[in-house]
């Protein structure tokens, strides 16, 4: 239980995951560092046929990713992807590099 501004909530507080750095690699892979000190690899290739992400098929656009408010974005924020999705569907980078 928690109380915020006089309102009682039954659930416990959840840490919000944010992206602190991102680097686009070859083959539509992102190397992402999160605010929980985890580094993970995210394969974007499965999402490229979705209309929202179709522009990212262009390597120049894909590799020009930015972070805005802890979220990965492209094209001045007109394309973004939910941080929770990226975290949950990515792979631990430390495991791969060992």
PDB file of N, CA and C in Angstrom:
ATOM      1  N   UNK A   1       0.844  -1.176   0.000  1.00  0.00           N
ATOM      2  CA  UNK A   1       0.000   0.000   0.000  1.00  0.00           C
ATOM      3  C   UNK A   1       0.888   1.237   0.000  1.00  0.00           C
ATOM      4  N   UNK A   2       0.425   2.260  -0.740  1.00  0.00           N
ATOM      5  CA  UNK A   2       1.131   3.534  -0.723  1.00  0.00           C
ATOM      6  C   UNK A   2       0.121   4.670  -0.726  1.00  0.00           C
ATOM      7  N   UNK A   3       0.545   5.819  -0.231  1.00  0.00           N
ATOM      8  CA  UNK A   3      -0.322   6.990  -0.181  1.00  0.00           C
ATOM      9  C   UNK A   3       0.371   8.121  -0.940  1.00  0.00           C
ATOM     10  N   UNK A   4      -0.329   8.656  -1.933  1.00  0.00           N
ATOM     11  CA  UNK A   4       0.193   9.778  -2.705  1.00  0.00           C
ATOM     12  C   UNK A   4      -0.877  10.859  -2.740  1.00  0.00           C
ATOM     13  N   UNK A   5      -0.519  12.049  -2.287  1.00  0.00           N
ATOM     14  CA  UNK A   5      -1.453  13.176  -2.246  1.00  0.00           C
ATOM     15  C   UNK A   5      -2.760  12.817  -1.544  1.00  0.00           C
ATOM     16  N   UNK A   6      -2.664  12.043  -0.470  1.00  0.00           N
ATOM     17  CA  UNK A   6      -3.831  11.688   0.306  1.00  0.00           C
ATOM     18  C   UNK A   6      -4.674  10.567  -0.264  1.00  0.00           C
ATOM     19  N   UNK A   7      -4.233   9.984  -1.375  1.00  0.00           N
ATOM     20  CA  UNK A   7      -4.956   8.876  -1.995  1.00  0.00           C
ATOM     21  C   UNK A   7      -4.210   7.587  -1.686  1.00  0.00           C
ATOM     22  N   UNK A   8      -4.951   6.566  -1.233  1.00  0.00           N
ATOM     23  CA  UNK A   8      -4.361   5.282  -0.879  1.00  0.00           C
ATOM     24  C   UNK A   8      -4.421   4.357  -2.094  1.00  0.00           C
ATOM     25  N   UNK A   9      -3.253   3.817  -2.460  1.00  0.00           N
ATOM     26  CA  UNK A   9      -3.149   2.881  -3.577  1.00  0.00           C
ATOM     27  C   UNK A   9      -2.771   1.507  -3.030  1.00  0.00           C
ATOM     28  N   UNK A  10      -3.389   0.453  -3.557  1.00  0.00           N
ATOM     29  CA  UNK A  10      -3.150  -0.893  -3.059  1.00  0.00           C
ATOM     30  C   UNK A  10      -1.847  -1.480  -3.573  1.00  0.00           C
ATOM     31  N   UNK A  11      -1.429  -1.082  -4.739  1.00  0.00           N
ATOM     32  CA  UNK A  11      -0.220  -1.673  -5.317  1.00  0.00           C
ATOM     33  C   UNK A  11       1.033  -0.946  -4.849  1.00  0.00           C
ATOM     34  N   UNK A  12       2.147  -1.648  -4.943  1.00  0.00           N
ATOM     35  CA  UNK A  12       3.410  -1.012  -4.571  1.00  0.00           C
ATOM     36  C   UNK A  12       3.933  -0.183  -5.739  1.00  0.00           C
ATOM     37  N   UNK A  13       4.818   0.741  -5.438  1.00  0.00           N
ATOM     38  CA  UNK A  13       5.404   1.577  -6.480  1.00  0.00           C
ATOM     39  C   UNK A  13       6.229   0.729  -7.433  1.00  0.00           C
ATOM     40  N   UNK A  14       6.179   1.094  -8.678  1.00  0.00           N
ATOM     41  CA  UNK A  14       6.925   0.380  -9.716  1.00  0.00           C
ATOM     42  C   UNK A  14       8.002   1.306 -10.252  1.00  0.00           C
ATOM     43  N   UNK A  15       9.210   0.801 -10.338  1.00  0.00           N
ATOM     44  CA  UNK A  15      10.284   1.590 -10.925  1.00  0.00           C
ATOM     45  C   UNK A  15      10.027   1.742 -12.417  1.00  0.00           C
ATOM     46  N   UNK A  16      10.141   2.945 -12.904  1.00  0.00           N
ATOM     47  CA  UNK A  16       9.929   3.209 -14.320  1.00  0.00           C
ATOM     48  C   UNK A  16      11.246   2.982 -15.055  1.00  0.00           C
ATOM     49  N   UNK A  17      11.195   2.115 -16.057  1.00  0.00           N
ATOM     50  CA  UNK A  17      12.376   1.825 -16.864  1.00  0.00           C
ATOM     51  C   UNK A  17      12.508   2.907 -17.929  1.00  0.00           C
ATOM     52  N   UNK A  18      13.705   3.479 -18.035  1.00  0.00           N
ATOM     53  CA  UNK A  18      13.984   4.487 -19.058  1.00  0.00           C
ATOM     54  C   UNK A  18      15.266   4.111 -19.789  1.00  0.00           C
ATOM     55  N   UNK A  19      15.333   4.516 -21.027  1.00  0.00           N
ATOM     56  CA  UNK A  19      16.535   4.326 -21.833  1.00  0.00           C
ATOM     57  C   UNK A  19      17.485   5.471 -21.517  1.00  0.00           C
ATOM     58  N   UNK A  20      18.753   5.134 -21.245  1.00  0.00           N
ATOM     59  CA  UNK A  20      19.747   6.180 -20.999  1.00  0.00           C
ATOM     60  C   UNK A  20      20.730   6.316 -22.152  1.00  0.00           C
ATOM     61  N   UNK A  21      20.886   5.260 -22.960  1.00  0.00           N
ATOM     62  CA  UNK A  21      21.688   5.368 -24.179  1.00  0.00           C
ATOM     63  C   UNK A  21      21.240   4.309 -25.171  1.00  0.00           C
ATOM     64  N   UNK A  22      21.427   4.635 -26.454  1.00  0.00           N
ATOM     65  CA  UNK A  22      21.062   3.702 -27.519  1.00  0.00           C
ATOM     66  C   UNK A  22      22.061   3.843 -28.655  1.00  0.00           C
ATOM     67  N   UNK A  23      22.414   2.710 -29.236  1.00  0.00           N
ATOM     68  CA  UNK A  23      23.306   2.699 -30.394  1.00  0.00           C
ATOM     69  C   UNK A  23      22.730   1.718 -31.406  1.00  0.00           C
ATOM     70  N   UNK A  24      22.514   2.204 -32.621  1.00  0.00           N
ATOM     71  CA  UNK A  24      22.016   1.343 -33.693  1.00  0.00           C
ATOM     72  C   UNK A  24      23.196   0.572 -34.286  1.00  0.00           C
ATOM     73  N   UNK A  25      23.046  -0.735 -34.346  1.00  0.00           N
ATOM     74  CA  UNK A  25      24.069  -1.607 -34.911  1.00  0.00           C
ATOM     75  C   UNK A  25      23.592  -2.107 -36.272  1.00  0.00           C
ATOM     76  N   UNK A  26      24.390  -2.928 -36.912  1.00  0.00           N
ATOM     77  CA  UNK A  26      23.995  -3.523 -38.186  1.00  0.00           C
ATOM     78  C   UNK A  26      22.821  -4.480 -37.992  1.00  0.00           C
ATOM     79  N   UNK A  27      22.149  -4.794 -39.079  1.00  0.00           N
ATOM     80  CA  UNK A  27      21.052  -5.776 -39.103  1.00  0.00           C
ATOM     81  C   UNK A  27      19.872  -5.398 -38.223  1.00  0.00           C
ATOM     82  N   UNK A  28      19.641  -4.088 -38.079  1.00  0.00           N
ATOM     83  CA  UNK A  28      18.481  -3.566 -37.325  1.00  0.00           C
ATOM     84  C   UNK A  28      18.485  -3.970 -35.849  1.00  0.00           C
ATOM     85  N   UNK A  29      19.662  -4.027 -35.269  1.00  0.00           N
ATOM     86  CA  UNK A  29      19.822  -4.330 -33.845  1.00  0.00           C
ATOM     87  C   UNK A  29      20.131  -3.025 -33.099  1.00  0.00           C
ATOM     88  N   UNK A  30      19.508  -2.863 -31.940  1.00  0.00           N
ATOM     89  CA  UNK A  30      19.808  -1.730 -31.065  1.00  0.00           C
ATOM     90  C   UNK A  30      20.510  -2.233 -29.812  1.00  0.00           C
ATOM     91  N   UNK A  31      21.583  -1.568 -29.432  1.00  0.00           N
ATOM     92  CA  UNK A  31      22.247  -1.801 -28.150  1.00  0.00           C
ATOM     93  C   UNK A  31      21.754  -0.702 -27.219  1.00  0.00           C
ATOM     94  N   UNK A  32      21.070  -1.112 -26.162  1.00  0.00           N
ATOM     95  CA  UNK A  32      20.369  -0.158 -25.305  1.00  0.00           C
ATOM     96  C   UNK A  32      20.840  -0.295 -23.864  1.00  0.00           C
ATOM     97  N   UNK A  33      21.100   0.839 -23.225  1.00  0.00           N
ATOM     98  CA  UNK A  33      21.388   0.885 -21.794  1.00  0.00           C
ATOM     99  C   UNK A  33      20.188   1.509 -21.097  1.00  0.00           C
ATOM    100  N   UNK A  34      19.782   0.892 -19.991  1.00  0.00           N
ATOM    101  CA  UNK A  34      18.615   1.347 -19.244  1.00  0.00           C
ATOM    102  C   UNK A  34      19.039   1.941 -17.903  1.00  0.00           C
ATOM    103  N   UNK A  35      18.115   2.646 -17.258  1.00  0.00           N
ATOM    104  CA  UNK A  35      18.419   3.291 -15.983  1.00  0.00           C
ATOM    105  C   UNK A  35      18.560   2.306 -14.829  1.00  0.00           C
ATOM    106  N   UNK A  36      18.342   1.023 -15.064  1.00  0.00           N
ATOM    107  CA  UNK A  36      18.562   0.007 -14.031  1.00  0.00           C
ATOM    108  C   UNK A  36      19.929  -0.674 -14.209  1.00  0.00           C
ATOM    109  N   UNK A  37      20.802  -0.030 -14.973  1.00  0.00           N
ATOM    110  CA  UNK A  37      22.175  -0.496 -15.236  1.00  0.00           C
ATOM    111  C   UNK A  37      22.240  -1.773 -16.071  1.00  0.00           C
ATOM    112  N   UNK A  38      21.201  -2.063 -16.831  1.00  0.00           N
ATOM    113  CA  UNK A  38      21.188  -3.226 -17.715  1.00  0.00           C
ATOM    114  C   UNK A  38      21.475  -2.768 -19.141  1.00  0.00           C
ATOM    115  N   UNK A  39      22.264  -3.575 -19.845  1.00  0.00           N
ATOM    116  CA  UNK A  39      22.486  -3.374 -21.269  1.00  0.00           C
ATOM    117  C   UNK A  39      21.842  -4.541 -21.999  1.00  0.00           C
ATOM    118  N   UNK A  40      21.058  -4.203 -23.036  1.00  0.00           N
ATOM    119  CA  UNK A  40      20.319  -5.244 -23.728  1.00  0.00           C
ATOM    120  C   UNK A  40      20.360  -5.006 -25.239  1.00  0.00           C
ATOM    121  N   UNK A  41      20.178  -6.081 -26.000  1.00  0.00           N
ATOM    122  CA  UNK A  41      20.107  -6.017 -27.458  1.00  0.00           C
ATOM    123  C   UNK A  41      18.667  -6.238 -27.895  1.00  0.00           C
ATOM    124  N   UNK A  42      18.198  -5.367 -28.781  1.00  0.00           N
ATOM    125  CA  UNK A  42      16.835  -5.466 -29.287  1.00  0.00           C
ATOM    126  C   UNK A  42      16.879  -5.604 -30.806  1.00  0.00           C
ATOM    127  N   UNK A  43      16.261  -6.656 -31.322  1.00  0.00           N
ATOM    128  CA  UNK A  43      16.195  -6.904 -32.761  1.00  0.00           C
ATOM    129  C   UNK A  43      14.917  -6.272 -33.297  1.00  0.00           C
ATOM    130  N   UNK A  44      15.082  -5.215 -34.088  1.00  0.00           N
ATOM    131  CA  UNK A  44      13.949  -4.457 -34.594  1.00  0.00           C
ATOM    132  C   UNK A  44      13.366  -5.060 -35.865  1.00  0.00           C
ATOM    133  N   UNK A  45      14.041  -6.014 -36.477  1.00  0.00           N
ATOM    134  CA  UNK A  45      13.670  -6.490 -37.813  1.00  0.00           C
ATOM    135  C   UNK A  45      12.246  -7.038 -37.900  1.00  0.00           C
ATOM    136  N   UNK A  46      11.734  -7.645 -36.848  1.00  0.00           N
ATOM    137  CA  UNK A  46      10.377  -8.188 -36.884  1.00  0.00           C
ATOM    138  C   UNK A  46       9.290  -7.112 -36.925  1.00  0.00           C
ATOM    139  N   UNK A  47       9.628  -5.892 -36.582  1.00  0.00           N
ATOM    140  CA  UNK A  47       8.642  -4.815 -36.524  1.00  0.00           C
ATOM    141  C   UNK A  47       8.587  -3.964 -37.791  1.00  0.00           C
ATOM    142  N   UNK A  48       9.533  -4.163 -38.702  1.00  0.00           N
ATOM    143  CA  UNK A  48       9.670  -3.264 -39.846  1.00  0.00           C
ATOM    144  C   UNK A  48       8.526  -3.345 -40.849  1.00  0.00           C
ATOM    145  N   UNK A  49       7.744  -4.409 -40.849  1.00  0.00           N
ATOM    146  CA  UNK A  49       6.610  -4.501 -41.766  1.00  0.00           C
ATOM    147  C   UNK A  49       5.365  -3.809 -41.223  1.00  0.00           C
ATOM    148  N   UNK A  50       5.422  -3.351 -40.001  1.00  0.00           N
ATOM    149  CA  UNK A  50       4.305  -2.592 -39.442  1.00  0.00           C
ATOM    150  C   UNK A  50       4.349  -1.180 -40.033  1.00  0.00           C
ATOM    151  N   UNK A  51       3.203  -0.639 -40.461  1.00  0.00           N
ATOM    152  CA  UNK A  51       3.194   0.694 -41.074  1.00  0.00           C
ATOM    153  C   UNK A  51       3.874   1.778 -40.234  1.00  0.00           C
ATOM    154  N   UNK A  52       3.739   1.698 -38.934  1.00  0.00           N
ATOM    155  CA  UNK A  52       4.335   2.697 -38.046  1.00  0.00           C
ATOM    156  C   UNK A  52       5.849   2.755 -38.183  1.00  0.00           C
ATOM    157  N   UNK A  53       6.480   1.602 -38.405  1.00  0.00           N
ATOM    158  CA  UNK A  53       7.941   1.525 -38.409  1.00  0.00           C
ATOM    159  C   UNK A  53       8.548   1.352 -39.801  1.00  0.00           C
ATOM    160  N   UNK A  54       7.732   1.412 -40.839  1.00  0.00           N
ATOM    161  CA  UNK A  54       8.212   1.147 -42.191  1.00  0.00           C
ATOM    162  C   UNK A  54       9.368   2.064 -42.609  1.00  0.00           C
ATOM    163  N   UNK A  55       9.357   3.307 -42.182  1.00  0.00           N
ATOM    164  CA  UNK A  55      10.429   4.247 -42.532  1.00  0.00           C
ATOM    165  C   UNK A  55      11.789   3.789 -42.006  1.00  0.00           C
ATOM    166  N   UNK A  56      11.780   2.956 -40.952  1.00  0.00           N
ATOM    167  CA  UNK A  56      13.029   2.499 -40.342  1.00  0.00           C
ATOM    168  C   UNK A  56      13.726   1.420 -41.167  1.00  0.00           C
ATOM    169  N   UNK A  57      13.117   0.988 -42.254  1.00  0.00           N
ATOM    170  CA  UNK A  57      13.793   0.076 -43.175  1.00  0.00           C
ATOM    171  C   UNK A  57      15.009   0.759 -43.795  1.00  0.00           C
ATOM    172  N   UNK A  58      14.951   2.078 -43.910  1.00  0.00           N
ATOM    173  CA  UNK A  58      16.074   2.878 -44.413  1.00  0.00           C
ATOM    174  C   UNK A  58      17.143   2.947 -43.313  1.00  0.00           C
ATOM    175  N   UNK A  59      18.319   2.406 -43.609  1.00  0.00           N
ATOM    176  CA  UNK A  59      19.388   2.355 -42.603  1.00  0.00           C
ATOM    177  C   UNK A  59      19.776   3.730 -42.072  1.00  0.00           C
ATOM    178  N   UNK A  60      19.764   4.751 -42.937  1.00  0.00           N
ATOM    179  CA  UNK A  60      20.137   6.096 -42.484  1.00  0.00           C
ATOM    180  C   UNK A  60      19.151   6.601 -41.429  1.00  0.00           C
ATOM    181  N   UNK A  61      17.878   6.319 -41.623  1.00  0.00           N
ATOM    182  CA  UNK A  61      16.873   6.732 -40.633  1.00  0.00           C
ATOM    183  C   UNK A  61      16.997   5.879 -39.376  1.00  0.00           C
ATOM    184  N   UNK A  62      17.100   4.553 -39.546  1.00  0.00           N
ATOM    185  CA  UNK A  62      17.195   3.663 -38.390  1.00  0.00           C
ATOM    186  C   UNK A  62      18.378   4.018 -37.493  1.00  0.00           C
ATOM    187  N   UNK A  63      19.516   4.295 -38.108  1.00  0.00           N
ATOM    188  CA  UNK A  63      20.726   4.558 -37.316  1.00  0.00           C
ATOM    189  C   UNK A  63      20.742   5.948 -36.699  1.00  0.00           C
ATOM    190  N   UNK A  64      19.771   6.771 -37.036  1.00  0.00           N
ATOM    191  CA  UNK A  64      19.694   8.116 -36.483  1.00  0.00           C
ATOM    192  C   UNK A  64      18.659   8.181 -35.350  1.00  0.00           C
ATOM    193  N   UNK A  65      18.743   7.222 -34.447  1.00  0.00           N
ATOM    194  CA  UNK A  65      17.816   7.192 -33.311  1.00  0.00           C
ATOM    195  C   UNK A  65      18.302   8.135 -32.215  1.00  0.00           C
ATOM    196  N   UNK A  66      17.359   8.617 -31.461  1.00  0.00           N
ATOM    197  CA  UNK A  66      17.633   9.541 -30.354  1.00  0.00           C
ATOM    198  C   UNK A  66      16.844   9.080 -29.125  1.00  0.00           C
ATOM    199  N   UNK A  67      17.164   9.683 -27.995  1.00  0.00           N
ATOM    200  CA  UNK A  67      16.411   9.435 -26.764  1.00  0.00           C
ATOM    201  C   UNK A  67      15.707  10.723 -26.374  1.00  0.00           C
ATOM    202  N   UNK A  68      14.398  10.633 -26.181  1.00  0.00           N
ATOM    203  CA  UNK A  68      13.613  11.759 -25.697  1.00  0.00           C
ATOM    204  C   UNK A  68      12.828  11.299 -24.481  1.00  0.00           C
ATOM    205  N   UNK A  69      13.123  11.877 -23.336  1.00  0.00           N
ATOM    206  CA  UNK A  69      12.431  11.531 -22.085  1.00  0.00           C
ATOM    207  C   UNK A  69      12.481  10.041 -21.784  1.00  0.00           C
ATOM    208  N   UNK A  70      13.634   9.414 -22.049  1.00  0.00           N
ATOM    209  CA  UNK A  70      13.819   8.006 -21.732  1.00  0.00           C
ATOM    210  C   UNK A  70      13.222   7.051 -22.743  1.00  0.00           C
ATOM    211  N   UNK A  71      12.799   7.564 -23.910  1.00  0.00           N
ATOM    212  CA  UNK A  71      12.162   6.765 -24.957  1.00  0.00           C
ATOM    213  C   UNK A  71      12.985   6.891 -26.237  1.00  0.00           C
ATOM    214  N   UNK A  72      13.144   5.786 -26.975  1.00  0.00           N
ATOM    215  CA  UNK A  72      13.868   5.809 -28.246  1.00  0.00           C
ATOM    216  C   UNK A  72      12.943   6.365 -29.322  1.00  0.00           C
ATOM    217  N   UNK A  73      13.454   7.353 -30.074  1.00  0.00           N
ATOM    218  CA  UNK A  73      12.661   7.994 -31.124  1.00  0.00           C
ATOM    219  C   UNK A  73      13.473   8.136 -32.408  1.00  0.00           C
ATOM    220  N   UNK A  74      12.749   8.366 -33.487  1.00  0.00           N
ATOM    221  CA  UNK A  74      13.335   8.652 -34.798  1.00  0.00           C
ATOM    222  C   UNK A  74      12.546   9.795 -35.428  1.00  0.00           C
ATOM    223  N   UNK A  75      13.160  10.435 -36.414  1.00  0.00           N
ATOM    224  CA  UNK A  75      12.499  11.484 -37.202  1.00  0.00           C
ATOM    225  C   UNK A  75      11.846  12.547 -36.311  1.00  0.00           C
ATOM    226  N   UNK A  76      12.666  13.130 -35.458  1.00  0.00           N
ATOM    227  CA  UNK A  76      12.222  14.212 -34.570  1.00  0.00           C
ATOM    228  C   UNK A  76      11.026  13.831 -33.713  1.00  0.00           C
ATOM    229  N   UNK A  77      10.985  12.570 -33.272  1.00  0.00           N
ATOM    230  CA  UNK A  77       9.930  12.127 -32.379  1.00  0.00           C
ATOM    231  C   UNK A  77       8.670  11.642 -33.068  1.00  0.00           C
ATOM    232  N   UNK A  78       8.638  11.651 -34.405  1.00  0.00           N
ATOM    233  CA  UNK A  78       7.423  11.185 -35.083  1.00  0.00           C
ATOM    234  C   UNK A  78       7.291   9.662 -35.052  1.00  0.00           C
ATOM    235  N   UNK A  79       8.391   8.961 -34.780  1.00  0.00           N
ATOM    236  CA  UNK A  79       8.364   7.507 -34.577  1.00  0.00           C
ATOM    237  C   UNK A  79       9.002   7.228 -33.224  1.00  0.00           C
ATOM    238  N   UNK A  80       8.354   6.391 -32.430  1.00  0.00           N
ATOM    239  CA  UNK A  80       8.951   5.964 -31.163  1.00  0.00           C
ATOM    240  C   UNK A  80       8.499   4.543 -30.860  1.00  0.00           C
ATOM    241  N   UNK A  81       9.119   3.970 -29.856  1.00  0.00           N
ATOM    242  CA  UNK A  81       8.741   2.626 -29.418  1.00  0.00           C
ATOM    243  C   UNK A  81       8.710   2.610 -27.901  1.00  0.00           C
ATOM    244  N   UNK A  82       7.713   1.938 -27.361  1.00  0.00           N
ATOM    245  CA  UNK A  82       7.537   1.885 -25.907  1.00  0.00           C
ATOM    246  C   UNK A  82       8.748   1.242 -25.241  1.00  0.00           C
ATOM    247  N   UNK A  83       9.238   1.885 -24.222  1.00  0.00           N
ATOM    248  CA  UNK A  83      10.409   1.383 -23.502  1.00  0.00           C
ATOM    249  C   UNK A  83      10.146   0.013 -22.886  1.00  0.00           C
ATOM    250  N   UNK A  84       8.950  -0.192 -22.357  1.00  0.00           N
ATOM    251  CA  UNK A  84       8.612  -1.504 -21.785  1.00  0.00           C
ATOM    252  C   UNK A  84       8.718  -2.609 -22.829  1.00  0.00           C
ATOM    253  N   UNK A  85       8.240  -2.336 -24.031  1.00  0.00           N
ATOM    254  CA  UNK A  85       8.322  -3.314 -25.117  1.00  0.00           C
ATOM    255  C   UNK A  85       9.770  -3.641 -25.447  1.00  0.00           C
ATOM    256  N   UNK A  86      10.565  -2.605 -25.587  1.00  0.00           N
ATOM    257  CA  UNK A  86      11.981  -2.807 -25.917  1.00  0.00           C
ATOM    258  C   UNK A  86      12.679  -3.613 -24.832  1.00  0.00           C
ATOM    259  N   UNK A  87      12.389  -3.301 -23.580  1.00  0.00           N
ATOM    260  CA  UNK A  87      13.046  -4.007 -22.472  1.00  0.00           C
ATOM    261  C   UNK A  87      12.618  -5.474 -22.415  1.00  0.00           C
ATOM    262  N   UNK A  88      11.317  -5.711 -22.495  1.00  0.00           N
ATOM    263  CA  UNK A  88      10.791  -7.073 -22.352  1.00  0.00           C
ATOM    264  C   UNK A  88      11.163  -7.988 -23.513  1.00  0.00           C
ATOM    265  N   UNK A  89      11.323  -7.422 -24.706  1.00  0.00           N
ATOM    266  CA  UNK A  89      11.596  -8.242 -25.888  1.00  0.00           C
ATOM    267  C   UNK A  89      13.058  -8.187 -26.317  1.00  0.00           C
ATOM    268  N   UNK A  90      13.920  -7.716 -25.446  1.00  0.00           N
ATOM    269  CA  UNK A  90      15.342  -7.647 -25.755  1.00  0.00           C
ATOM    270  C   UNK A  90      16.098  -8.737 -24.990  1.00  0.00           C
ATOM    271  N   UNK A  91      17.376  -8.833 -25.297  1.00  0.00           N
ATOM    272  CA  UNK A  91      18.219  -9.875 -24.706  1.00  0.00           C
ATOM    273  C   UNK A  91      19.356  -9.239 -23.926  1.00  0.00           C
ATOM    274  N   UNK A  92      19.692  -9.848 -22.809  1.00  0.00           N
ATOM    275  CA  UNK A  92      20.764  -9.354 -21.951  1.00  0.00           C
ATOM    276  C   UNK A  92      22.076  -9.348 -22.717  1.00  0.00           C
ATOM    277  N   UNK A  93      22.671  -8.179 -22.851  1.00  0.00           N
ATOM    278  CA  UNK A  93      23.926  -8.045 -23.592  1.00  0.00           C
ATOM    279  C   UNK A  93      25.099  -8.663 -22.860  1.00  0.00           C
ATOM    280  N   UNK A  94      25.106  -8.626 -21.542  1.00  0.00           N
ATOM    281  CA  UNK A  94      26.227  -9.198 -20.792  1.00  0.00           C
ATOM    282  C   UNK A  94      26.311 -10.710 -21.007  1.00  0.00           C
ATOM    283  N   UNK A  95      25.165 -11.351 -21.189  1.00  0.00           N
ATOM    284  CA  UNK A  95      25.140 -12.789 -21.442  1.00  0.00           C
ATOM    285  C   UNK A  95      25.811 -13.098 -22.779  1.00  0.00           C
ATOM    286  N   UNK A  96      25.526 -12.273 -23.792  1.00  0.00           N
ATOM    287  CA  UNK A  96      26.075 -12.501 -25.123  1.00  0.00           C
ATOM    288  C   UNK A  96      27.568 -12.219 -25.175  1.00  0.00           C
ATOM    289  N   UNK A  97      28.011 -11.208 -24.429  1.00  0.00           N
ATOM    290  CA  UNK A  97      29.424 -10.822 -24.523  1.00  0.00           C
ATOM    291  C   UNK A  97      30.354 -11.697 -23.696  1.00  0.00           C
ATOM    292  N   UNK A  98      29.828 -12.592 -22.891  1.00  0.00           N
ATOM    293  CA  UNK A  98      30.687 -13.457 -22.067  1.00  0.00           C
ATOM    294  C   UNK A  98      31.254 -14.604 -22.859  1.00  0.00           C
TER     295      UNK A  98
END
